[in-house]
Amino acid sequence: MNDKTFDASRYLSRLNGKDYLEVKWRLLWLRTEHPDATVQTELVKHEADLALFRAQVTLPAGGWATGWGSETASDFVDYIEKAETKALGRALAALGYGTQFCEDFDFAGKASLVDAPVETPATKPHPAGPRTRATGAQINAIYAIARSQHELTEEELNAHCIKAYSCLPAELSRKEASQFIDNLKAKA
C-alpha cells in the first residue's frame, strides 16, 4: 500500500441533503492508494435503449469487487456513459472507496439514490406499463447472495434470472427483485 493518504472530505458534495463522493473522486482515492490497481469495465448488454455495464476493480494485494450499473435512454441522453460510471462507482464503493457516502449498501434505509453522480427516475418503460425499477441495493444484494450463498457465477445468475423473469437482474422491478432475493435466500 502507498504511504499517501486521501482526504475524501475535501471532495464531498451535497446531494439530496447528504454528503456524496462522486465516482471521479473515488477513482482518484483508489489511484492515490493503489496506482497499480486494475480497473475493467464491460458493456454486458446494449439493446432497446438500455445499457448494462459490469465493472471490476482489483487491488494489487488481491482484493477485488464487481459493480453493476444500468441506465436507459429515457433516463439520460448519455446513458451508456452513465451506466459505466454507475458500475465503476459501485465496485469502488464495495472496496470501501466512498461506501460511507452512498446508499447502495444501506439495506436498512430506503435507497432512493443510486450510486451515480446524478439523480435518476424510478421508473422505466415496460410492456405491461410503467413499473418501479429495482434499486441498486437490490441488484447488488442479488449478486452478493448468489456469489456468497450459492457460488454462482454472474453468467449463471443472469441465466437463472432470465429463466425466471425473462430479463437480467438490473431490469427487474422492485417487487420482482424482492421476490428473487427471497428465493435466493430460501434456497441457501
N, C-alpha and C. Protein backbone atom coordinates (compact mmCIF):
# COMPACT_ATOMS: atom_id res chain seq x y z
N MET A 1 0.84 -1.19 0.00
CA MET A 1 0.00 0.00 0.00
C MET A 1 0.87 1.23 0.00
N ASN A 2 0.43 2.25 -0.64
CA ASN A 2 1.13 3.51 -0.75
C ASN A 2 1.10 4.25 0.58
N ASP A 3 2.11 5.10 0.82
CA ASP A 3 2.14 5.92 2.04
C ASP A 3 1.24 7.14 1.93
N LYS A 4 0.75 7.43 0.74
CA LYS A 4 -0.11 8.59 0.54
C LYS A 4 -1.47 8.36 1.18
N THR A 5 -2.02 9.46 1.72
CA THR A 5 -3.37 9.38 2.28
C THR A 5 -4.28 10.28 1.46
N PHE A 6 -5.52 9.89 1.40
CA PHE A 6 -6.51 10.63 0.63
C PHE A 6 -7.54 11.18 1.60
N ASP A 7 -7.79 12.47 1.54
CA ASP A 7 -8.78 13.11 2.41
C ASP A 7 -10.07 13.31 1.62
N ALA A 8 -10.97 12.32 1.74
CA ALA A 8 -12.23 12.35 0.98
C ALA A 8 -13.07 13.57 1.32
N SER A 9 -12.95 14.08 2.54
CA SER A 9 -13.78 15.21 2.95
C SER A 9 -13.53 16.45 2.08
N ARG A 10 -12.36 16.55 1.47
CA ARG A 10 -12.04 17.69 0.60
C ARG A 10 -12.87 17.68 -0.68
N TYR A 11 -13.41 16.52 -1.06
CA TYR A 11 -14.07 16.36 -2.35
C TYR A 11 -15.57 16.10 -2.26
N LEU A 12 -16.12 16.18 -1.07
CA LEU A 12 -17.54 15.89 -0.90
C LEU A 12 -18.41 16.98 -1.51
N SER A 13 -19.54 16.56 -2.02
CA SER A 13 -20.56 17.50 -2.47
C SER A 13 -21.86 17.10 -1.77
N ARG A 14 -22.85 17.95 -1.85
CA ARG A 14 -24.15 17.66 -1.23
C ARG A 14 -25.11 17.22 -2.31
N LEU A 15 -25.81 16.13 -2.07
CA LEU A 15 -26.81 15.62 -2.99
C LEU A 15 -27.98 15.13 -2.16
N ASN A 16 -29.14 15.68 -2.40
CA ASN A 16 -30.34 15.33 -1.62
C ASN A 16 -30.10 15.53 -0.12
N GLY A 17 -29.34 16.56 0.24
CA GLY A 17 -29.10 16.89 1.64
C GLY A 17 -28.09 16.01 2.34
N LYS A 18 -27.37 15.16 1.58
CA LYS A 18 -26.39 14.26 2.19
C LYS A 18 -25.04 14.44 1.52
N ASP A 19 -23.98 14.08 2.26
CA ASP A 19 -22.65 14.11 1.68
C ASP A 19 -22.55 13.04 0.60
N TYR A 20 -21.89 13.37 -0.50
CA TYR A 20 -21.74 12.44 -1.61
C TYR A 20 -20.35 12.59 -2.20
N LEU A 21 -19.69 11.48 -2.48
CA LEU A 21 -18.37 11.49 -3.09
C LEU A 21 -18.51 10.97 -4.51
N GLU A 22 -18.34 11.86 -5.48
CA GLU A 22 -18.50 11.48 -6.88
C GLU A 22 -17.52 10.39 -7.27
N VAL A 23 -17.89 9.63 -8.28
CA VAL A 23 -17.09 8.49 -8.73
C VAL A 23 -15.69 8.93 -9.15
N LYS A 24 -15.56 10.09 -9.79
CA LYS A 24 -14.22 10.54 -10.20
C LYS A 24 -13.29 10.70 -9.00
N TRP A 25 -13.84 11.11 -7.84
CA TRP A 25 -13.00 11.28 -6.65
C TRP A 25 -12.71 9.93 -6.00
N ARG A 26 -13.64 8.98 -6.10
CA ARG A 26 -13.36 7.62 -5.61
C ARG A 26 -12.23 6.99 -6.41
N LEU A 27 -12.24 7.24 -7.71
CA LEU A 27 -11.19 6.72 -8.58
C LEU A 27 -9.85 7.36 -8.23
N LEU A 28 -9.84 8.67 -7.96
CA LEU A 28 -8.62 9.34 -7.52
C LEU A 28 -8.13 8.74 -6.21
N TRP A 29 -9.04 8.46 -5.28
CA TRP A 29 -8.70 7.85 -4.00
C TRP A 29 -8.04 6.49 -4.23
N LEU A 30 -8.63 5.68 -5.09
CA LEU A 30 -8.05 4.37 -5.42
C LEU A 30 -6.65 4.54 -5.98
N ARG A 31 -6.49 5.42 -6.96
CA ARG A 31 -5.18 5.61 -7.61
C ARG A 31 -4.16 6.21 -6.66
N THR A 32 -4.61 7.00 -5.69
CA THR A 32 -3.69 7.56 -4.69
C THR A 32 -3.12 6.44 -3.83
N GLU A 33 -3.98 5.52 -3.42
CA GLU A 33 -3.54 4.42 -2.55
C GLU A 33 -2.96 3.23 -3.32
N HIS A 34 -3.48 2.97 -4.49
CA HIS A 34 -3.06 1.80 -5.28
C HIS A 34 -2.92 2.17 -6.75
N PRO A 35 -1.82 2.84 -7.12
CA PRO A 35 -1.66 3.25 -8.52
C PRO A 35 -1.67 2.08 -9.50
N ASP A 36 -1.35 0.87 -9.03
CA ASP A 36 -1.29 -0.30 -9.91
C ASP A 36 -2.58 -1.12 -9.90
N ALA A 37 -3.62 -0.61 -9.28
CA ALA A 37 -4.90 -1.34 -9.28
C ALA A 37 -5.40 -1.48 -10.71
N THR A 38 -6.14 -2.55 -10.95
CA THR A 38 -6.70 -2.81 -12.26
C THR A 38 -8.18 -2.45 -12.26
N VAL A 39 -8.59 -1.70 -13.27
CA VAL A 39 -9.99 -1.31 -13.44
C VAL A 39 -10.45 -1.81 -14.80
N GLN A 40 -11.49 -2.64 -14.81
CA GLN A 40 -12.03 -3.16 -16.06
C GLN A 40 -13.52 -2.92 -16.10
N THR A 41 -14.00 -2.44 -17.24
CA THR A 41 -15.44 -2.30 -17.42
C THR A 41 -15.83 -3.07 -18.68
N GLU A 42 -17.07 -3.56 -18.68
CA GLU A 42 -17.56 -4.33 -19.82
C GLU A 42 -19.01 -3.97 -20.07
N LEU A 43 -19.33 -3.66 -21.31
CA LEU A 43 -20.71 -3.44 -21.72
C LEU A 43 -21.33 -4.82 -21.89
N VAL A 44 -22.15 -5.24 -20.93
CA VAL A 44 -22.74 -6.57 -20.92
C VAL A 44 -23.94 -6.65 -21.85
N LYS A 45 -24.70 -5.55 -21.91
CA LYS A 45 -25.89 -5.56 -22.74
C LYS A 45 -26.15 -4.15 -23.25
N HIS A 46 -26.49 -4.05 -24.52
CA HIS A 46 -26.89 -2.77 -25.09
C HIS A 46 -27.95 -3.05 -26.15
N GLU A 47 -29.19 -2.82 -25.78
CA GLU A 47 -30.30 -3.02 -26.72
C GLU A 47 -31.51 -2.25 -26.23
N ALA A 48 -32.35 -1.89 -27.17
CA ALA A 48 -33.60 -1.19 -26.86
C ALA A 48 -33.37 -0.02 -25.90
N ASP A 49 -32.33 0.76 -26.17
CA ASP A 49 -32.01 1.95 -25.37
C ASP A 49 -31.70 1.64 -23.91
N LEU A 50 -31.18 0.44 -23.64
CA LEU A 50 -30.73 0.05 -22.30
C LEU A 50 -29.26 -0.32 -22.37
N ALA A 51 -28.48 0.19 -21.43
CA ALA A 51 -27.07 -0.19 -21.32
C ALA A 51 -26.85 -0.80 -19.94
N LEU A 52 -26.19 -1.95 -19.90
CA LEU A 52 -25.86 -2.63 -18.65
C LEU A 52 -24.36 -2.87 -18.65
N PHE A 53 -23.68 -2.34 -17.64
CA PHE A 53 -22.23 -2.48 -17.50
C PHE A 53 -21.87 -3.29 -16.27
N ARG A 54 -20.75 -3.96 -16.37
CA ARG A 54 -20.12 -4.62 -15.23
C ARG A 54 -18.74 -4.01 -15.10
N ALA A 55 -18.36 -3.64 -13.89
CA ALA A 55 -17.03 -3.10 -13.63
C ALA A 55 -16.37 -3.97 -12.57
N GLN A 56 -15.10 -4.23 -12.75
CA GLN A 56 -14.33 -4.96 -11.74
C GLN A 56 -13.09 -4.16 -11.41
N VAL A 57 -12.86 -3.98 -10.12
CA VAL A 57 -11.68 -3.29 -9.64
C VAL A 57 -10.88 -4.29 -8.82
N THR A 58 -9.60 -4.46 -9.17
CA THR A 58 -8.74 -5.43 -8.49
C THR A 58 -7.56 -4.69 -7.89
N LEU A 59 -7.34 -4.92 -6.60
CA LEU A 59 -6.21 -4.31 -5.90
C LEU A 59 -4.97 -5.16 -6.09
N PRO A 60 -3.78 -4.56 -6.08
CA PRO A 60 -2.54 -5.32 -6.26
C PRO A 60 -2.36 -6.43 -5.23
N ALA A 61 -2.86 -6.23 -4.02
CA ALA A 61 -2.71 -7.24 -2.97
C ALA A 61 -3.71 -8.38 -3.11
N GLY A 62 -4.64 -8.28 -4.06
CA GLY A 62 -5.55 -9.39 -4.31
C GLY A 62 -7.01 -9.13 -4.02
N GLY A 63 -7.37 -8.06 -3.34
CA GLY A 63 -8.78 -7.76 -3.11
C GLY A 63 -9.43 -7.31 -4.41
N TRP A 64 -10.72 -7.60 -4.58
CA TRP A 64 -11.43 -7.17 -5.78
C TRP A 64 -12.91 -7.03 -5.50
N ALA A 65 -13.58 -6.28 -6.35
CA ALA A 65 -15.03 -6.11 -6.24
C ALA A 65 -15.61 -5.88 -7.63
N THR A 66 -16.86 -6.31 -7.77
CA THR A 66 -17.59 -6.11 -9.01
C THR A 66 -18.77 -5.19 -8.74
N GLY A 67 -19.05 -4.31 -9.67
CA GLY A 67 -20.22 -3.44 -9.57
C GLY A 67 -21.00 -3.50 -10.87
N TRP A 68 -22.30 -3.33 -10.77
CA TRP A 68 -23.19 -3.33 -11.94
C TRP A 68 -23.88 -2.00 -12.04
N GLY A 69 -24.13 -1.57 -13.26
CA GLY A 69 -24.85 -0.32 -13.48
C GLY A 69 -25.64 -0.38 -14.77
N SER A 70 -26.88 0.10 -14.70
CA SER A 70 -27.71 0.15 -15.91
C SER A 70 -28.39 1.51 -15.99
N GLU A 71 -28.63 1.94 -17.20
CA GLU A 71 -29.37 3.16 -17.48
C GLU A 71 -30.11 2.99 -18.79
N THR A 72 -31.10 3.83 -19.01
CA THR A 72 -31.84 3.80 -20.26
C THR A 72 -31.77 5.17 -20.92
N ALA A 73 -32.06 5.18 -22.21
CA ALA A 73 -32.06 6.44 -22.96
C ALA A 73 -33.12 7.39 -22.44
N SER A 74 -34.19 6.86 -21.86
CA SER A 74 -35.21 7.74 -21.29
C SER A 74 -34.72 8.42 -20.01
N ASP A 75 -33.66 7.85 -19.39
CA ASP A 75 -33.05 8.47 -18.21
C ASP A 75 -32.09 9.59 -18.60
N PHE A 76 -31.22 9.29 -19.58
CA PHE A 76 -30.15 10.22 -19.96
C PHE A 76 -29.84 10.07 -21.44
N VAL A 77 -29.46 11.17 -22.07
CA VAL A 77 -29.00 11.11 -23.45
C VAL A 77 -27.71 10.29 -23.52
N ASP A 78 -26.82 10.50 -22.54
CA ASP A 78 -25.55 9.77 -22.49
C ASP A 78 -25.65 8.58 -21.53
N TYR A 79 -26.72 7.78 -21.69
CA TYR A 79 -27.00 6.68 -20.77
C TYR A 79 -25.90 5.62 -20.76
N ILE A 80 -25.19 5.44 -21.85
CA ILE A 80 -24.13 4.43 -21.88
C ILE A 80 -23.02 4.84 -20.92
N GLU A 81 -22.59 6.09 -20.98
CA GLU A 81 -21.55 6.58 -20.09
C GLU A 81 -22.01 6.55 -18.63
N LYS A 82 -23.25 6.93 -18.40
CA LYS A 82 -23.79 6.94 -17.03
C LYS A 82 -23.81 5.53 -16.45
N ALA A 83 -24.18 4.54 -17.27
CA ALA A 83 -24.23 3.15 -16.79
C ALA A 83 -22.83 2.67 -16.43
N GLU A 84 -21.83 3.03 -17.24
CA GLU A 84 -20.46 2.62 -16.94
C GLU A 84 -19.97 3.28 -15.66
N THR A 85 -20.26 4.57 -15.49
CA THR A 85 -19.86 5.29 -14.28
C THR A 85 -20.52 4.68 -13.05
N LYS A 86 -21.79 4.35 -13.17
CA LYS A 86 -22.52 3.75 -12.05
C LYS A 86 -21.88 2.42 -11.64
N ALA A 87 -21.57 1.57 -12.62
CA ALA A 87 -20.94 0.27 -12.33
C ALA A 87 -19.59 0.46 -11.64
N LEU A 88 -18.79 1.39 -12.14
CA LEU A 88 -17.49 1.66 -11.55
C LEU A 88 -17.64 2.19 -10.13
N GLY A 89 -18.58 3.11 -9.93
CA GLY A 89 -18.81 3.66 -8.59
C GLY A 89 -19.19 2.58 -7.59
N ARG A 90 -20.00 1.63 -8.01
CA ARG A 90 -20.43 0.56 -7.11
C ARG A 90 -19.28 -0.39 -6.78
N ALA A 91 -18.44 -0.69 -7.77
CA ALA A 91 -17.28 -1.55 -7.50
C ALA A 91 -16.33 -0.86 -6.52
N LEU A 92 -16.09 0.44 -6.74
CA LEU A 92 -15.21 1.19 -5.83
C LEU A 92 -15.81 1.25 -4.42
N ALA A 93 -17.11 1.48 -4.33
CA ALA A 93 -17.76 1.53 -3.01
C ALA A 93 -17.68 0.19 -2.31
N ALA A 94 -17.78 -0.89 -3.06
CA ALA A 94 -17.68 -2.23 -2.46
C ALA A 94 -16.29 -2.49 -1.88
N LEU A 95 -15.28 -1.81 -2.40
CA LEU A 95 -13.92 -1.92 -1.86
C LEU A 95 -13.66 -0.91 -0.74
N GLY A 96 -14.65 -0.07 -0.45
CA GLY A 96 -14.50 0.90 0.64
C GLY A 96 -14.20 2.31 0.19
N TYR A 97 -14.14 2.53 -1.10
CA TYR A 97 -13.86 3.87 -1.61
C TYR A 97 -15.17 4.62 -1.80
N GLY A 98 -15.59 5.31 -0.74
CA GLY A 98 -16.82 6.10 -0.79
C GLY A 98 -18.04 5.38 -0.27
N THR A 99 -17.88 4.20 0.30
CA THR A 99 -19.02 3.42 0.80
C THR A 99 -19.85 4.24 1.77
N GLN A 100 -19.20 5.00 2.64
CA GLN A 100 -19.91 5.80 3.64
C GLN A 100 -20.69 6.95 3.03
N PHE A 101 -20.46 7.23 1.75
CA PHE A 101 -21.12 8.35 1.10
C PHE A 101 -22.13 7.92 0.04
N CYS A 102 -22.56 6.66 0.06
CA CYS A 102 -23.58 6.22 -0.90
C CYS A 102 -24.57 5.31 -0.18
N GLU A 103 -25.77 5.22 -0.71
CA GLU A 103 -26.82 4.45 -0.06
C GLU A 103 -26.97 3.04 -0.62
N ASP A 104 -26.17 2.66 -1.60
CA ASP A 104 -26.30 1.33 -2.19
C ASP A 104 -26.09 0.21 -1.18
N PHE A 105 -25.31 0.46 -0.14
CA PHE A 105 -25.01 -0.57 0.83
C PHE A 105 -25.76 -0.35 2.13
N ASP A 106 -26.73 0.54 2.13
CA ASP A 106 -27.58 0.81 3.28
C ASP A 106 -28.87 0.02 3.10
N PHE A 107 -28.86 -1.25 3.50
CA PHE A 107 -30.00 -2.12 3.27
C PHE A 107 -31.14 -1.84 4.24
N ALA A 108 -30.88 -1.10 5.30
CA ALA A 108 -31.94 -0.79 6.27
C ALA A 108 -32.77 0.41 5.83
N GLY A 109 -32.13 1.33 5.11
CA GLY A 109 -32.83 2.55 4.71
C GLY A 109 -33.55 2.39 3.40
N LYS A 110 -34.31 3.40 3.04
CA LYS A 110 -34.99 3.41 1.75
C LYS A 110 -34.06 4.06 0.75
N ALA A 111 -33.43 3.26 -0.07
CA ALA A 111 -32.46 3.79 -1.03
C ALA A 111 -33.16 4.42 -2.21
N SER A 112 -33.14 5.73 -2.24
CA SER A 112 -33.72 6.43 -3.37
C SER A 112 -32.62 7.00 -4.26
N LEU A 113 -31.39 6.95 -3.79
CA LEU A 113 -30.26 7.48 -4.52
C LEU A 113 -29.43 6.31 -5.03
N VAL A 114 -29.24 6.23 -6.31
CA VAL A 114 -28.37 5.21 -6.85
C VAL A 114 -26.95 5.73 -6.82
N ASP A 115 -26.00 4.85 -6.93
CA ASP A 115 -24.61 5.26 -6.81
C ASP A 115 -24.09 5.79 -8.13
N ALA A 116 -24.60 6.92 -8.51
CA ALA A 116 -24.13 7.64 -9.68
C ALA A 116 -24.21 9.12 -9.32
N PRO A 117 -23.40 9.95 -9.94
CA PRO A 117 -23.37 11.35 -9.52
C PRO A 117 -24.55 12.16 -10.02
N VAL A 118 -25.66 11.52 -10.27
CA VAL A 118 -26.86 12.20 -10.74
C VAL A 118 -28.08 11.47 -10.20
N GLU A 119 -29.20 12.16 -10.16
CA GLU A 119 -30.44 11.52 -9.77
C GLU A 119 -31.08 10.90 -11.02
N THR A 120 -31.79 9.79 -10.83
CA THR A 120 -32.46 9.14 -11.96
C THR A 120 -33.91 8.91 -11.63
N PRO A 121 -34.79 8.83 -12.63
CA PRO A 121 -36.18 8.50 -12.37
C PRO A 121 -36.29 7.07 -11.86
N ALA A 122 -37.34 6.79 -11.12
CA ALA A 122 -37.51 5.47 -10.52
C ALA A 122 -38.26 4.50 -11.42
N THR A 123 -38.67 4.92 -12.59
CA THR A 123 -39.42 4.02 -13.45
C THR A 123 -38.75 3.85 -14.79
N LYS A 124 -39.10 2.77 -15.47
CA LYS A 124 -38.65 2.55 -16.83
C LYS A 124 -39.79 1.94 -17.61
N PRO A 125 -39.80 2.11 -18.91
CA PRO A 125 -40.89 1.53 -19.69
C PRO A 125 -40.90 0.02 -19.59
N HIS A 126 -42.06 -0.55 -19.59
CA HIS A 126 -42.24 -1.99 -19.53
C HIS A 126 -43.44 -2.34 -20.38
N PRO A 127 -43.41 -3.49 -21.07
CA PRO A 127 -44.53 -3.84 -21.94
C PRO A 127 -45.89 -3.82 -21.23
N ALA A 128 -45.91 -4.14 -19.96
CA ALA A 128 -47.18 -4.18 -19.22
C ALA A 128 -47.52 -2.81 -18.63
N GLY A 129 -46.75 -1.79 -18.95
CA GLY A 129 -46.99 -0.46 -18.41
C GLY A 129 -45.85 -0.06 -17.50
N PRO A 130 -45.91 1.15 -16.91
CA PRO A 130 -44.82 1.62 -16.06
C PRO A 130 -44.69 0.77 -14.81
N ARG A 131 -43.46 0.62 -14.38
CA ARG A 131 -43.19 -0.10 -13.14
C ARG A 131 -41.99 0.53 -12.45
N THR A 132 -41.85 0.27 -11.19
CA THR A 132 -40.74 0.82 -10.43
C THR A 132 -39.55 -0.11 -10.56
N ARG A 133 -38.42 0.45 -10.98
CA ARG A 133 -37.21 -0.35 -11.17
C ARG A 133 -36.61 -0.80 -9.85
N ALA A 134 -35.95 -1.94 -9.90
CA ALA A 134 -35.21 -2.43 -8.74
C ALA A 134 -34.17 -1.39 -8.34
N THR A 135 -33.92 -1.27 -7.05
CA THR A 135 -32.92 -0.32 -6.57
C THR A 135 -31.52 -0.91 -6.76
N GLY A 136 -30.53 -0.05 -6.73
CA GLY A 136 -29.15 -0.51 -6.80
C GLY A 136 -28.81 -1.45 -5.67
N ALA A 137 -29.36 -1.17 -4.49
CA ALA A 137 -29.11 -2.05 -3.34
C ALA A 137 -29.67 -3.45 -3.60
N GLN A 138 -30.84 -3.53 -4.22
CA GLN A 138 -31.43 -4.84 -4.53
C GLN A 138 -30.56 -5.60 -5.54
N ILE A 139 -30.13 -4.91 -6.58
CA ILE A 139 -29.30 -5.55 -7.60
C ILE A 139 -28.00 -6.06 -6.98
N ASN A 140 -27.35 -5.21 -6.17
CA ASN A 140 -26.11 -5.63 -5.50
C ASN A 140 -26.36 -6.81 -4.57
N ALA A 141 -27.49 -6.80 -3.86
CA ALA A 141 -27.82 -7.91 -2.96
C ALA A 141 -28.01 -9.20 -3.74
N ILE A 142 -28.67 -9.13 -4.88
CA ILE A 142 -28.89 -10.34 -5.70
C ILE A 142 -27.55 -10.97 -6.07
N TYR A 143 -26.63 -10.16 -6.58
CA TYR A 143 -25.33 -10.70 -6.99
C TYR A 143 -24.51 -11.18 -5.78
N ALA A 144 -24.59 -10.45 -4.67
CA ALA A 144 -23.83 -10.85 -3.47
C ALA A 144 -24.34 -12.17 -2.91
N ILE A 145 -25.65 -12.33 -2.83
CA ILE A 145 -26.24 -13.58 -2.30
C ILE A 145 -25.89 -14.74 -3.23
N ALA A 146 -26.03 -14.51 -4.53
CA ALA A 146 -25.72 -15.57 -5.49
C ALA A 146 -24.26 -16.01 -5.38
N ARG A 147 -23.37 -15.03 -5.19
CA ARG A 147 -21.94 -15.33 -5.09
C ARG A 147 -21.61 -16.02 -3.78
N SER A 148 -22.11 -15.47 -2.66
CA SER A 148 -21.69 -15.97 -1.35
C SER A 148 -22.44 -17.22 -0.90
N GLN A 149 -23.73 -17.30 -1.19
CA GLN A 149 -24.51 -18.43 -0.68
C GLN A 149 -24.68 -19.56 -1.69
N HIS A 150 -24.52 -19.26 -2.97
CA HIS A 150 -24.74 -20.29 -4.00
C HIS A 150 -23.53 -20.52 -4.88
N GLU A 151 -22.49 -19.71 -4.72
CA GLU A 151 -21.28 -19.79 -5.54
C GLU A 151 -21.60 -19.78 -7.03
N LEU A 152 -22.60 -18.98 -7.40
CA LEU A 152 -22.99 -18.84 -8.80
C LEU A 152 -22.09 -17.81 -9.48
N THR A 153 -21.73 -18.07 -10.70
CA THR A 153 -21.02 -17.05 -11.48
C THR A 153 -22.06 -16.03 -11.93
N GLU A 154 -21.59 -14.90 -12.40
CA GLU A 154 -22.51 -13.87 -12.90
C GLU A 154 -23.34 -14.40 -14.07
N GLU A 155 -22.69 -15.17 -14.94
CA GLU A 155 -23.39 -15.73 -16.10
C GLU A 155 -24.48 -16.70 -15.65
N GLU A 156 -24.18 -17.54 -14.66
CA GLU A 156 -25.18 -18.49 -14.15
C GLU A 156 -26.35 -17.76 -13.52
N LEU A 157 -26.06 -16.72 -12.74
CA LEU A 157 -27.13 -15.95 -12.12
C LEU A 157 -27.98 -15.26 -13.17
N ASN A 158 -27.33 -14.66 -14.16
CA ASN A 158 -28.07 -13.99 -15.23
C ASN A 158 -28.99 -14.98 -15.95
N ALA A 159 -28.49 -16.17 -16.23
CA ALA A 159 -29.30 -17.19 -16.90
C ALA A 159 -30.49 -17.60 -16.03
N HIS A 160 -30.26 -17.73 -14.74
CA HIS A 160 -31.33 -18.09 -13.80
C HIS A 160 -32.41 -17.00 -13.77
N CYS A 161 -31.98 -15.74 -13.75
CA CYS A 161 -32.92 -14.62 -13.73
C CYS A 161 -33.71 -14.54 -15.03
N ILE A 162 -33.03 -14.74 -16.14
CA ILE A 162 -33.72 -14.72 -17.44
C ILE A 162 -34.76 -15.83 -17.51
N LYS A 163 -34.42 -17.01 -16.99
CA LYS A 163 -35.36 -18.14 -16.99
C LYS A 163 -36.59 -17.83 -16.13
N ALA A 164 -36.35 -17.20 -14.98
CA ALA A 164 -37.45 -16.93 -14.04
C ALA A 164 -38.26 -15.69 -14.40
N TYR A 165 -37.58 -14.63 -14.91
CA TYR A 165 -38.25 -13.34 -15.12
C TYR A 165 -38.13 -12.78 -16.54
N SER A 166 -37.47 -13.51 -17.42
CA SER A 166 -37.26 -13.08 -18.81
C SER A 166 -36.48 -11.78 -18.93
N CYS A 167 -35.60 -11.52 -17.98
CA CYS A 167 -34.75 -10.33 -18.04
C CYS A 167 -33.56 -10.51 -17.11
N LEU A 168 -32.59 -9.60 -17.22
CA LEU A 168 -31.44 -9.58 -16.33
C LEU A 168 -31.83 -8.95 -15.00
N PRO A 169 -31.07 -9.21 -13.92
CA PRO A 169 -31.40 -8.61 -12.62
C PRO A 169 -31.56 -7.09 -12.66
N ALA A 170 -30.76 -6.38 -13.43
CA ALA A 170 -30.85 -4.92 -13.48
C ALA A 170 -32.15 -4.44 -14.10
N GLU A 171 -32.89 -5.33 -14.78
CA GLU A 171 -34.14 -4.96 -15.43
C GLU A 171 -35.37 -5.35 -14.62
N LEU A 172 -35.17 -5.96 -13.45
CA LEU A 172 -36.29 -6.38 -12.62
C LEU A 172 -37.02 -5.18 -12.02
N SER A 173 -38.27 -5.37 -11.70
CA SER A 173 -38.99 -4.37 -10.91
C SER A 173 -38.55 -4.53 -9.45
N ARG A 174 -38.90 -3.59 -8.62
CA ARG A 174 -38.57 -3.72 -7.19
C ARG A 174 -39.23 -4.95 -6.59
N LYS A 175 -40.48 -5.19 -6.97
CA LYS A 175 -41.20 -6.35 -6.45
C LYS A 175 -40.54 -7.65 -6.91
N GLU A 176 -40.20 -7.72 -8.20
CA GLU A 176 -39.53 -8.92 -8.72
C GLU A 176 -38.17 -9.12 -8.05
N ALA A 177 -37.44 -8.03 -7.86
CA ALA A 177 -36.13 -8.14 -7.21
C ALA A 177 -36.28 -8.65 -5.78
N SER A 178 -37.29 -8.17 -5.06
CA SER A 178 -37.53 -8.67 -3.69
C SER A 178 -37.85 -10.16 -3.71
N GLN A 179 -38.70 -10.57 -4.66
CA GLN A 179 -39.03 -11.99 -4.79
C GLN A 179 -37.79 -12.82 -5.11
N PHE A 180 -36.97 -12.31 -6.02
CA PHE A 180 -35.76 -13.03 -6.43
C PHE A 180 -34.80 -13.16 -5.24
N ILE A 181 -34.65 -12.09 -4.46
CA ILE A 181 -33.79 -12.14 -3.27
C ILE A 181 -34.33 -13.17 -2.28
N ASP A 182 -35.64 -13.14 -2.04
CA ASP A 182 -36.24 -14.11 -1.12
C ASP A 182 -36.02 -15.54 -1.61
N ASN A 183 -36.18 -15.77 -2.92
CA ASN A 183 -35.97 -17.11 -3.47
C ASN A 183 -34.52 -17.56 -3.32
N LEU A 184 -33.58 -16.63 -3.57
CA LEU A 184 -32.16 -16.98 -3.41
C LEU A 184 -31.83 -17.31 -1.96
N LYS A 185 -32.39 -16.53 -1.04
CA LYS A 185 -32.14 -16.78 0.39
C LYS A 185 -32.75 -18.11 0.83
N ALA A 186 -33.96 -18.42 0.32
CA ALA A 186 -34.65 -19.64 0.71
C ALA A 186 -33.92 -20.88 0.22
N LYS A 187 -33.24 -20.77 -0.92
CA LYS A 187 -32.54 -21.92 -1.49
C LYS A 187 -31.15 -22.08 -0.93
N ALA A 188 -30.73 -21.19 -0.03
CA ALA A 188 -29.37 -21.25 0.52
C ALA A 188 -29.23 -22.40 1.49
